[in-house]
Structure formats: C-alpha cells, structure tokens
PDB file of N, CA and C in Angstrom:
ATOM      1  N   MET A   1      11.174  22.617  -1.878  1.00  0.00           N
ATOM      2  CA  MET A   1       9.941  22.564  -2.636  1.00  0.00           C
ATOM      3  C   MET A   1       9.088  21.405  -2.124  1.00  0.00           C
ATOM      4  N   ARG A   2       7.784  21.628  -1.956  1.00  0.00           N
ATOM      5  CA  ARG A   2       6.868  20.584  -1.519  1.00  0.00           C
ATOM      6  C   ARG A   2       5.764  20.409  -2.550  1.00  0.00           C
ATOM      7  N   ILE A   3       5.319  19.172  -2.661  1.00  0.00           N
ATOM      8  CA  ILE A   3       4.228  18.833  -3.569  1.00  0.00           C
ATOM      9  C   ILE A   3       3.111  18.261  -2.706  1.00  0.00           C
ATOM     10  N   VAL A   4       1.873  18.654  -2.951  1.00  0.00           N
ATOM     11  CA  VAL A   4       0.750  18.138  -2.185  1.00  0.00           C
ATOM     12  C   VAL A   4      -0.067  17.229  -3.090  1.00  0.00           C
ATOM     13  N   ILE A   5      -0.244  15.977  -2.629  1.00  0.00           N
ATOM     14  CA  ILE A   5      -1.030  15.000  -3.379  1.00  0.00           C
ATOM     15  C   ILE A   5      -2.075  14.451  -2.428  1.00  0.00           C
ATOM     16  N   ASP A   6      -3.365  14.669  -2.729  1.00  0.00           N
ATOM     17  CA  ASP A   6      -4.451  14.208  -1.862  1.00  0.00           C
ATOM     18  C   ASP A   6      -4.218  14.570  -0.401  1.00  0.00           C
ATOM     19  N   ARG A   7      -3.852  15.794  -0.149  1.00  0.00           N
ATOM     20  CA  ARG A   7      -3.614  16.320   1.192  1.00  0.00           C
ATOM     21  C   ARG A   7      -2.441  15.660   1.905  1.00  0.00           C
ATOM     22  N   GLU A   8      -1.660  14.860   1.214  1.00  0.00           N
ATOM     23  CA  GLU A   8      -0.468  14.251   1.796  1.00  0.00           C
ATOM     24  C   GLU A   8       0.731  14.984   1.211  1.00  0.00           C
ATOM     25  N   GLU A   9       1.592  15.494   2.066  1.00  0.00           N
ATOM     26  CA  GLU A   9       2.765  16.207   1.586  1.00  0.00           C
ATOM     27  C   GLU A   9       3.918  15.237   1.361  1.00  0.00           C
ATOM     28  N   LEU A  10       4.586  15.407   0.241  1.00  0.00           N
ATOM     29  CA  LEU A  10       5.756  14.616  -0.095  1.00  0.00           C
ATOM     30  C   LEU A  10       6.890  15.551  -0.458  1.00  0.00           C
ATOM     31  N   ARG A  11       8.115  15.135  -0.138  1.00  0.00           N
ATOM     32  CA  ARG A  11       9.261  15.915  -0.602  1.00  0.00           C
ATOM     33  C   ARG A  11       9.321  15.782  -2.114  1.00  0.00           C
ATOM     34  N   ALA A  12       9.880  16.765  -2.783  1.00  0.00           N
ATOM     35  CA  ALA A  12       9.943  16.767  -4.240  1.00  0.00           C
ATOM     36  C   ALA A  12      10.746  15.592  -4.778  1.00  0.00           C
ATOM     37  N   ASP A  13      11.664  15.029  -3.980  1.00  0.00           N
ATOM     38  CA  ASP A  13      12.473  13.912  -4.462  1.00  0.00           C
ATOM     39  C   ASP A  13      11.818  12.557  -4.202  1.00  0.00           C
ATOM     40  N   GLN A  14      10.622  12.521  -3.608  1.00  0.00           N
ATOM     41  CA  GLN A  14       9.910  11.274  -3.385  1.00  0.00           C
ATOM     42  C   GLN A  14       8.962  11.025  -4.545  1.00  0.00           C
ATOM     43  N   THR A  15       8.833   9.775  -4.913  1.00  0.00           N
ATOM     44  CA  THR A  15       7.899   9.398  -5.964  1.00  0.00           C
ATOM     45  C   THR A  15       6.935   8.382  -5.391  1.00  0.00           C
ATOM     46  N   PRO A  16       5.671   8.738  -5.235  1.00  0.00           N
ATOM     47  CA  PRO A  16       4.729   7.765  -4.697  1.00  0.00           C
ATOM     48  C   PRO A  16       4.470   6.650  -5.699  1.00  0.00           C
ATOM     49  N   ALA A  17       4.286   5.413  -5.211  1.00  0.00           N
ATOM     50  CA  ALA A  17       3.902   4.320  -6.095  1.00  0.00           C
ATOM     51  C   ALA A  17       2.518   4.638  -6.644  1.00  0.00           C
ATOM     52  N   ASN A  18       2.258   4.189  -7.849  1.00  0.00           N
ATOM     53  CA  ASN A  18       0.965   4.458  -8.461  1.00  0.00           C
ATOM     54  C   ASN A  18      -0.114   3.582  -7.850  1.00  0.00           C
ATOM     55  N   SER A  19      -1.277   4.151  -7.615  1.00  0.00           N
ATOM     56  CA  SER A  19      -2.398   3.365  -7.124  1.00  0.00           C
ATOM     57  C   SER A  19      -2.780   2.344  -8.179  1.00  0.00           C
ATOM     58  N   GLY A  20      -3.095   1.141  -7.717  1.00  0.00           N
ATOM     59  CA  GLY A  20      -3.447   0.065  -8.630  1.00  0.00           C
ATOM     60  C   GLY A  20      -2.270  -0.813  -9.015  1.00  0.00           C
ATOM     61  N   ASP A  21      -1.051  -0.428  -8.639  1.00  0.00           N
ATOM     62  CA  ASP A  21       0.136  -1.214  -8.944  1.00  0.00           C
ATOM     63  C   ASP A  21       0.334  -2.296  -7.896  1.00  0.00           C
ATOM     64  N   SER A  22       0.651  -3.511  -8.339  1.00  0.00           N
ATOM     65  CA  SER A  22       0.995  -4.599  -7.426  1.00  0.00           C
ATOM     66  C   SER A  22       2.504  -4.662  -7.286  1.00  0.00           C
ATOM     67  N   VAL A  23       2.948  -4.817  -6.056  1.00  0.00           N
ATOM     68  CA  VAL A  23       4.383  -4.912  -5.771  1.00  0.00           C
ATOM     69  C   VAL A  23       4.601  -6.051  -4.774  1.00  0.00           C
ATOM     70  N   PRO A  24       5.798  -6.661  -4.770  1.00  0.00           N
ATOM     71  CA  PRO A  24       6.081  -7.683  -3.758  1.00  0.00           C
ATOM     72  C   PRO A  24       5.981  -7.081  -2.358  1.00  0.00           C
ATOM     73  N   LEU A  25       5.496  -7.863  -1.419  1.00  0.00           N
ATOM     74  CA  LEU A  25       5.311  -7.383  -0.054  1.00  0.00           C
ATOM     75  C   LEU A  25       6.604  -6.840   0.532  1.00  0.00           C
ATOM     76  N   ASP A  26       7.725  -7.501   0.263  1.00  0.00           N
ATOM     77  CA  ASP A  26       8.985  -7.039   0.855  1.00  0.00           C
ATOM     78  C   ASP A  26       9.558  -5.817   0.157  1.00  0.00           C
ATOM     79  N   ALA A  27       8.889  -5.314  -0.892  1.00  0.00           N
ATOM     80  CA  ALA A  27       9.340  -4.097  -1.575  1.00  0.00           C
ATOM     81  C   ALA A  27       8.556  -2.862  -1.142  1.00  0.00           C
ATOM     82  N   VAL A  28       7.543  -3.051  -0.294  1.00  0.00           N
ATOM     83  CA  VAL A  28       6.731  -1.923   0.174  1.00  0.00           C
ATOM     84  C   VAL A  28       7.578  -1.057   1.092  1.00  0.00           C
ATOM     85  N   ASP A  29       7.755   0.206   0.704  1.00  0.00           N
ATOM     86  CA  ASP A  29       8.521   1.120   1.550  1.00  0.00           C
ATOM     87  C   ASP A  29       7.935   2.516   1.563  1.00  0.00           C
ATOM     88  N   ALA A  30       6.708   2.660   1.039  1.00  0.00           N
ATOM     89  CA  ALA A  30       6.053   3.963   1.020  1.00  0.00           C
ATOM     90  C   ALA A  30       4.762   3.884   1.830  1.00  0.00           C
ATOM     91  N   PRO A  31       4.434   4.941   2.558  1.00  0.00           N
ATOM     92  CA  PRO A  31       3.177   4.947   3.308  1.00  0.00           C
ATOM     93  C   PRO A  31       1.984   4.810   2.380  1.00  0.00           C
ATOM     94  N   GLY A  32       0.947   4.197   2.871  1.00  0.00           N
ATOM     95  CA  GLY A  32      -0.260   4.080   2.077  1.00  0.00           C
ATOM     96  C   GLY A  32      -1.144   2.949   2.546  1.00  0.00           C
ATOM     97  N   THR A  33      -2.212   2.728   1.776  1.00  0.00           N
ATOM     98  CA  THR A  33      -3.141   1.643   2.024  1.00  0.00           C
ATOM     99  C   THR A  33      -2.990   0.640   0.897  1.00  0.00           C
ATOM    100  N   TYR A  34      -2.817  -0.615   1.278  1.00  0.00           N
ATOM    101  CA  TYR A  34      -2.584  -1.698   0.327  1.00  0.00           C
ATOM    102  C   TYR A  34      -3.578  -2.818   0.581  1.00  0.00           C
ATOM    103  N   ILE A  35      -3.820  -3.643  -0.433  1.00  0.00           N
ATOM    104  CA  ILE A  35      -4.627  -4.850  -0.297  1.00  0.00           C
ATOM    105  C   ILE A  35      -3.715  -6.035  -0.587  1.00  0.00           C
ATOM    106  N   CYS A  36      -3.726  -7.028   0.302  1.00  0.00           N
ATOM    107  CA  CYS A  36      -2.940  -8.244   0.091  1.00  0.00           C
ATOM    108  C   CYS A  36      -3.585  -9.037  -1.046  1.00  0.00           C
ATOM    109  N   ASP A  37      -2.828  -9.282  -2.120  1.00  0.00           N
ATOM    110  CA  ASP A  37      -3.385  -9.959  -3.291  1.00  0.00           C
ATOM    111  C   ASP A  37      -3.753 -11.414  -3.012  1.00  0.00           C
ATOM    112  N   TRP A  38      -3.066 -12.068  -2.088  1.00  0.00           N
ATOM    113  CA  TRP A  38      -3.326 -13.480  -1.833  1.00  0.00           C
ATOM    114  C   TRP A  38      -4.523 -13.708  -0.921  1.00  0.00           C
ATOM    115  N   SER A  39      -4.962 -12.675  -0.178  1.00  0.00           N
ATOM    116  CA  SER A  39      -6.035 -12.896   0.788  1.00  0.00           C
ATOM    117  C   SER A  39      -7.127 -11.833   0.762  1.00  0.00           C
ATOM    118  N   GLY A  40      -6.849 -10.663   0.202  1.00  0.00           N
ATOM    119  CA  GLY A  40      -7.813  -9.571   0.212  1.00  0.00           C
ATOM    120  C   GLY A  40      -7.820  -8.761   1.493  1.00  0.00           C
ATOM    121  N   HIS A  41      -6.850  -9.012   2.389  1.00  0.00           N
ATOM    122  CA  HIS A  41      -6.777  -8.270   3.648  1.00  0.00           C
ATOM    123  C   HIS A  41      -6.232  -6.858   3.430  1.00  0.00           C
ATOM    124  N   LEU A  42      -6.646  -5.968   4.315  1.00  0.00           N
ATOM    125  CA  LEU A  42      -6.214  -4.578   4.288  1.00  0.00           C
ATOM    126  C   LEU A  42      -4.860  -4.450   4.989  1.00  0.00           C
ATOM    127  N   LEU A  43      -3.943  -3.730   4.381  1.00  0.00           N
ATOM    128  CA  LEU A  43      -2.623  -3.490   4.963  1.00  0.00           C
ATOM    129  C   LEU A  43      -2.382  -1.987   4.946  1.00  0.00           C
ATOM    130  N   ARG A  44      -2.103  -1.436   6.113  1.00  0.00           N
ATOM    131  CA  ARG A  44      -1.812  -0.008   6.213  1.00  0.00           C
ATOM    132  C   ARG A  44      -0.341   0.160   6.574  1.00  0.00           C
ATOM    133  N   VAL A  45       0.352   0.969   5.802  1.00  0.00           N
ATOM    134  CA  VAL A  45       1.749   1.293   6.100  1.00  0.00           C
ATOM    135  C   VAL A  45       1.757   2.744   6.538  1.00  0.00           C
ATOM    136  N   SER A  46       2.039   2.968   7.804  1.00  0.00           N
ATOM    137  CA  SER A  46       1.979   4.295   8.398  1.00  0.00           C
ATOM    138  C   SER A  46       3.098   5.189   7.888  1.00  0.00           C
ATOM    139  N   ASP A  47       2.825   6.473   7.840  1.00  0.00           N
ATOM    140  CA  ASP A  47       3.857   7.432   7.450  1.00  0.00           C
ATOM    141  C   ASP A  47       4.808   7.709   8.600  1.00  0.00           C
ATOM    142  N   SER A  48       4.539   7.105   9.777  1.00  0.00           N
ATOM    143  CA  SER A  48       5.449   7.281  10.905  1.00  0.00           C
ATOM    144  C   SER A  48       6.456   6.131  11.015  1.00  0.00           C
ATOM    145  N   ASN A  49       6.416   5.180  10.055  1.00  0.00           N
ATOM    146  CA  ASN A  49       7.401   4.098  10.052  1.00  0.00           C
ATOM    147  C   ASN A  49       8.786   4.679   9.809  1.00  0.00           C
ATOM    148  N   PRO A  50       9.807   4.124  10.443  1.00  0.00           N
ATOM    149  CA  PRO A  50      11.163   4.612  10.190  1.00  0.00           C
ATOM    150  C   PRO A  50      11.536   4.430   8.723  1.00  0.00           C
ATOM    151  N   ALA A  51      12.321   5.334   8.203  1.00  0.00           N
ATOM    152  CA  ALA A  51      12.746   5.255   6.805  1.00  0.00           C
ATOM    153  C   ALA A  51      13.430   3.928   6.556  1.00  0.00           C
ATOM    154  N   GLY A  52      13.119   3.327   5.423  1.00  0.00           N
ATOM    155  CA  GLY A  52      13.757   2.085   5.042  1.00  0.00           C
ATOM    156  C   GLY A  52      13.149   0.842   5.668  1.00  0.00           C
ATOM    157  N   LEU A  53      12.069   0.988   6.476  1.00  0.00           N
ATOM    158  CA  LEU A  53      11.439  -0.170   7.077  1.00  0.00           C
ATOM    159  C   LEU A  53      10.843  -1.032   5.979  1.00  0.00           C
ATOM    160  N   ARG A  54      11.164  -2.295   6.012  1.00  0.00           N
ATOM    161  CA  ARG A  54      10.620  -3.222   5.026  1.00  0.00           C
ATOM    162  C   ARG A  54      10.050  -4.432   5.745  1.00  0.00           C
ATOM    163  N   PHE A  55       9.293  -5.214   5.032  1.00  0.00           N
ATOM    164  CA  PHE A  55       8.644  -6.378   5.599  1.00  0.00           C
ATOM    165  C   PHE A  55       9.481  -7.636   5.411  1.00  0.00           C
ATOM    166  N   THR A  56      10.783  -7.529   5.587  1.00  0.00           N
ATOM    167  CA  THR A  56      11.659  -8.675   5.377  1.00  0.00           C
ATOM    168  C   THR A  56      11.376  -9.785   6.381  1.00  0.00           C
ATOM    169  N   ALA A  57      10.868  -9.465   7.544  1.00  0.00           N
ATOM    170  CA  ALA A  57      10.571 -10.492   8.544  1.00  0.00           C
ATOM    171  C   ALA A  57       9.417 -11.381   8.107  1.00  0.00           C
ATOM    172  N   LEU A  58       8.639 -10.965   7.117  1.00  0.00           N
ATOM    173  CA  LEU A  58       7.501 -11.743   6.658  1.00  0.00           C
ATOM    174  C   LEU A  58       7.833 -12.632   5.461  1.00  0.00           C
ATOM    175  N   ARG A  59       9.067 -12.657   5.026  1.00  0.00           N
ATOM    176  CA  ARG A  59       9.425 -13.529   3.912  1.00  0.00           C
ATOM    177  C   ARG A  59       9.191 -14.970   4.313  1.00  0.00           C
ATOM    178  N   GLN A  60       8.559 -15.697   3.428  1.00  0.00           N
ATOM    179  CA  GLN A  60       8.237 -17.075   3.719  1.00  0.00           C
ATOM    180  C   GLN A  60       8.187 -17.835   2.405  1.00  0.00           C
ATOM    181  N   PRO A  61       8.795 -19.025   2.364  1.00  0.00           N
ATOM    182  CA  PRO A  61       8.717 -19.821   1.138  1.00  0.00           C
ATOM    183  C   PRO A  61       7.257 -20.105   0.796  1.00  0.00           C
ATOM    184  N   SER A  62       6.926 -19.954  -0.454  1.00  0.00           N
ATOM    185  CA  SER A  62       5.553 -20.157  -0.886  1.00  0.00           C
ATOM    186  C   SER A  62       5.538 -20.484  -2.371  1.00  0.00           C
ATOM    187  N   ALA A  63       4.529 -21.211  -2.799  1.00  0.00           N
ATOM    188  CA  ALA A  63       4.383 -21.531  -4.217  1.00  0.00           C
ATOM    189  C   ALA A  63       3.939 -20.309  -5.015  1.00  0.00           C
ATOM    190  N   THR A  64       3.364 -19.339  -4.318  1.00  0.00           N
ATOM    191  CA  THR A  64       2.934 -18.111  -4.986  1.00  0.00           C
ATOM    192  C   THR A  64       3.662 -16.926  -4.370  1.00  0.00           C
ATOM    193  N   SER A  65       3.772 -15.857  -5.134  1.00  0.00           N
ATOM    194  CA  SER A  65       4.435 -14.668  -4.602  1.00  0.00           C
ATOM    195  C   SER A  65       3.467 -13.891  -3.718  1.00  0.00           C
ATOM    196  N   TRP A  66       4.018 -13.256  -2.706  1.00  0.00           N
ATOM    197  CA  TRP A  66       3.223 -12.417  -1.820  1.00  0.00           C
ATOM    198  C   TRP A  66       3.286 -10.997  -2.347  1.00  0.00           C
ATOM    199  N   THR A  67       2.220 -10.554  -2.996  1.00  0.00           N
ATOM    200  CA  THR A  67       2.180  -9.199  -3.535  1.00  0.00           C
ATOM    201  C   THR A  67       1.016  -8.446  -2.905  1.00  0.00           C
ATOM    202  N   VAL A  68       1.150  -7.139  -2.930  1.00  0.00           N
ATOM    203  CA  VAL A  68       0.100  -6.255  -2.444  1.00  0.00           C
ATOM    204  C   VAL A  68      -0.178  -5.219  -3.520  1.00  0.00           C
ATOM    205  N   THR A  69      -1.407  -4.738  -3.548  1.00  0.00           N
ATOM    206  CA  THR A  69      -1.791  -3.690  -4.494  1.00  0.00           C
ATOM    207  C   THR A  69      -2.024  -2.412  -3.723  1.00  0.00           C
ATOM    208  N   ARG A  70      -1.333  -1.360  -4.139  1.00  0.00           N
ATOM    209  CA  ARG A  70      -1.493  -0.052  -3.500  1.00  0.00           C
ATOM    210  C   ARG A  70      -2.786   0.570  -4.003  1.00  0.00           C
ATOM    211  N   ILE A  71      -3.654   0.971  -3.071  1.00  0.00           N
ATOM    212  CA  ILE A  71      -4.902   1.606  -3.489  1.00  0.00           C
ATOM    213  C   ILE A  71      -4.948   3.088  -3.128  1.00  0.00           C
ATOM    214  N   SER A  72      -4.077   3.523  -2.215  1.00  0.00           N
ATOM    215  CA  SER A  72      -4.075   4.930  -1.821  1.00  0.00           C
ATOM    216  C   SER A  72      -2.750   5.268  -1.156  1.00  0.00           C
ATOM    217  N   ASP A  73      -2.357   6.526  -1.236  1.00  0.00           N
ATOM    218  CA  ASP A  73      -1.162   6.976  -0.521  1.00  0.00           C
ATOM    219  C   ASP A  73      -1.499   7.420   0.904  1.00  0.00           C
ATOM    220  N   ASN A  74      -2.764   7.318   1.280  1.00  0.00           N
ATOM    221  CA  ASN A  74      -3.218   7.707   2.610  1.00  0.00           C
ATOM    222  C   ASN A  74      -3.341   6.470   3.495  1.00  0.00           C
ATOM    223  N   PRO A  75      -2.464   6.289   4.491  1.00  0.00           N
ATOM    224  CA  PRO A  75      -2.564   5.109   5.355  1.00  0.00           C
ATOM    225  C   PRO A  75      -3.757   5.154   6.308  1.00  0.00           C
ATOM    226  N   ARG A  76      -4.402   6.286   6.436  1.00  0.00           N
ATOM    227  CA  ARG A  76      -5.555   6.431   7.330  1.00  0.00           C
ATOM    228  C   ARG A  76      -6.883   6.435   6.565  1.00  0.00           C
ATOM    229  N   LEU A  77      -6.876   5.887   5.380  1.00  0.00           N
ATOM    230  CA  LEU A  77      -8.081   5.825   4.551  1.00  0.00           C
ATOM    231  C   LEU A  77      -9.174   5.029   5.275  1.00  0.00           C
ATOM    232  N   PRO A  78     -10.378   5.580   5.402  1.00  0.00           N
ATOM    233  CA  PRO A  78     -11.464   4.833   6.062  1.00  0.00           C
ATOM    234  C   PRO A  78     -11.762   3.524   5.318  1.00  0.00           C
ATOM    235  N   ARG A  79     -12.206   2.511   6.085  1.00  0.00           N
ATOM    236  CA  ARG A  79     -12.451   1.189   5.491  1.00  0.00           C
ATOM    237  C   ARG A  79     -13.440   1.228   4.342  1.00  0.00           C
ATOM    238  N   PHE A  80     -14.519   1.993   4.472  1.00  0.00           N
ATOM    239  CA  PHE A  80     -15.514   2.020   3.396  1.00  0.00           C
ATOM    240  C   PHE A  80     -14.918   2.593   2.110  1.00  0.00           C
ATOM    241  N   GLN A  81     -14.023   3.558   2.224  1.00  0.00           N
ATOM    242  CA  GLN A  81     -13.361   4.100   1.038  1.00  0.00           C
ATOM    243  C   GLN A  81     -12.356   3.099   0.481  1.00  0.00           C
ATOM    244  N   ALA A  82     -11.666   2.377   1.372  1.00  0.00           N
ATOM    245  CA  ALA A  82     -10.720   1.349   0.928  1.00  0.00           C
ATOM    246  C   ALA A  82     -11.459   0.269   0.143  1.00  0.00           C
ATOM    247  N   LYS A  83     -12.619  -0.157   0.628  1.00  0.00           N
ATOM    248  CA  LYS A  83     -13.409  -1.156  -0.091  1.00  0.00           C
ATOM    249  C   LYS A  83     -13.842  -0.633  -1.461  1.00  0.00           C
ATOM    250  N   ALA A  84     -14.285   0.616  -1.509  1.00  0.00           N
ATOM    251  CA  ALA A  84     -14.724   1.198  -2.778  1.00  0.00           C
ATOM    252  C   ALA A  84     -13.564   1.303  -3.768  1.00  0.00           C
ATOM    253  N   LEU A  85     -12.400   1.738  -3.297  1.00  0.00           N
ATOM    254  CA  LEU A  85     -11.232   1.823  -4.187  1.00  0.00           C
ATOM    255  C   LEU A  85     -10.798   0.443  -4.664  1.00  0.00           C
ATOM    256  N   ALA A  86     -10.786  -0.525  -3.762  1.00  0.00           N
ATOM    257  CA  ALA A  86     -10.404  -1.888  -4.145  1.00  0.00           C
ATOM    258  C   ALA A  86     -11.348  -2.413  -5.219  1.00  0.00           C
ATOM    259  N   THR A  87     -12.632  -2.170  -5.051  1.00  0.00           N
ATOM    260  CA  THR A  87     -13.613  -2.598  -6.048  1.00  0.00           C
ATOM    261  C   THR A  87     -13.359  -1.925  -7.392  1.00  0.00           C
ATOM    262  N   SER A  88     -12.998  -0.647  -7.363  1.00  0.00           N
ATOM    263  CA  SER A  88     -12.741   0.065  -8.616  1.00  0.00           C
ATOM    264  C   SER A  88     -11.516  -0.479  -9.344  1.00  0.00           C
ATOM    265  N   PHE A  89     -10.596  -1.127  -8.593  1.00  0.00           N
ATOM    266  CA  PHE A  89      -9.411  -1.757  -9.201  1.00  0.00           C
ATOM    267  C   PHE A  89      -9.671  -3.235  -9.503  1.00  0.00           C
ATOM    268  N   GLY A  90     -10.868  -3.721  -9.207  1.00  0.00           N
ATOM    269  CA  GLY A  90     -11.195  -5.115  -9.467  1.00  0.00           C
ATOM    270  C   GLY A  90     -10.596  -6.081  -8.470  1.00  0.00           C
ATOM    271  N   ILE A  91     -10.354  -5.620  -7.237  1.00  0.00           N
ATOM    272  CA  ILE A  91      -9.738  -6.439  -6.203  1.00  0.00           C
ATOM    273  C   ILE A  91     -10.807  -6.934  -5.238  1.00  0.00           C
ATOM    274  N   THR A  92     -10.817  -8.235  -4.969  1.00  0.00           N
ATOM    275  CA  THR A  92     -11.737  -8.808  -3.990  1.00  0.00           C
ATOM    276  C   THR A  92     -11.177  -8.568  -2.600  1.00  0.00           C
ATOM    277  N   THR A  93     -12.003  -8.044  -1.705  1.00  0.00           N
ATOM    278  CA  THR A  93     -11.553  -7.730  -0.356  1.00  0.00           C
ATOM    279  C   THR A  93     -11.996  -8.779   0.650  1.00  0.00           C
ATOM    280  N   ASN A  94     -11.319  -8.790   1.791  1.00  0.00           N
ATOM    281  CA  ASN A  94     -11.647  -9.692   2.883  1.00  0.00           C
ATOM    282  C   ASN A  94     -11.512  -8.931   4.204  1.00  0.00           C
ATOM    283  N   PHE A  95     -12.156  -7.775   4.285  1.00  0.00           N
ATOM    284  CA  PHE A  95     -12.123  -6.965   5.508  1.00  0.00           C
ATOM    285  C   PHE A  95     -13.417  -6.201   5.634  1.00  0.00           C
TER     286      PHE A  95
END
C-alpha cells in the first residue's frame, strides 16, 4: 500500500514529521526541508540519503540546543516557497 502526500510517495509504515515541528538536529532522519532554529539557514535532507543517516558528526557542545524546524516533506522545495512557509510558521530566515 502506498500513500501520496504532496506528490511525495511514502510507504504506509512511514510517518512523516509534522511541518512546523522543531526537532534536535541529530534526530533528523526524514527527507524534507528544514530551517535551522539557531541561524535561520535552510537545510535540505535529500530522499536519496541512506536509511538511518543522521547528523551525529555535527554534535557540538553548546549553551543552546541545535534544533531545526521542518517546513516541508519536499527536499527540493524552491527557495521562495521555503521562505513563504517559514514566514507562515513565524520563523526568521537567513537565506
């Protein structure tokens, strides 16, 4: 069984993270477009990444947590749409 969400196909046993949810950077494991909460930079996680790929190499001691906000399940979202979605979630961008 396949489910189609915004023209992106997912297996029925996959659950996409909700748009607008903030998650720790090292917990990102689903394709999509994210905004870095600490800087406003655009982060794209490709659907061609190997399963289980995580950002563990980016762990760094910090006084604040490194979180990202998912704005779309489409990693190829055009920049102008990413900016518009980020604005609709109240996120300041830096791209």
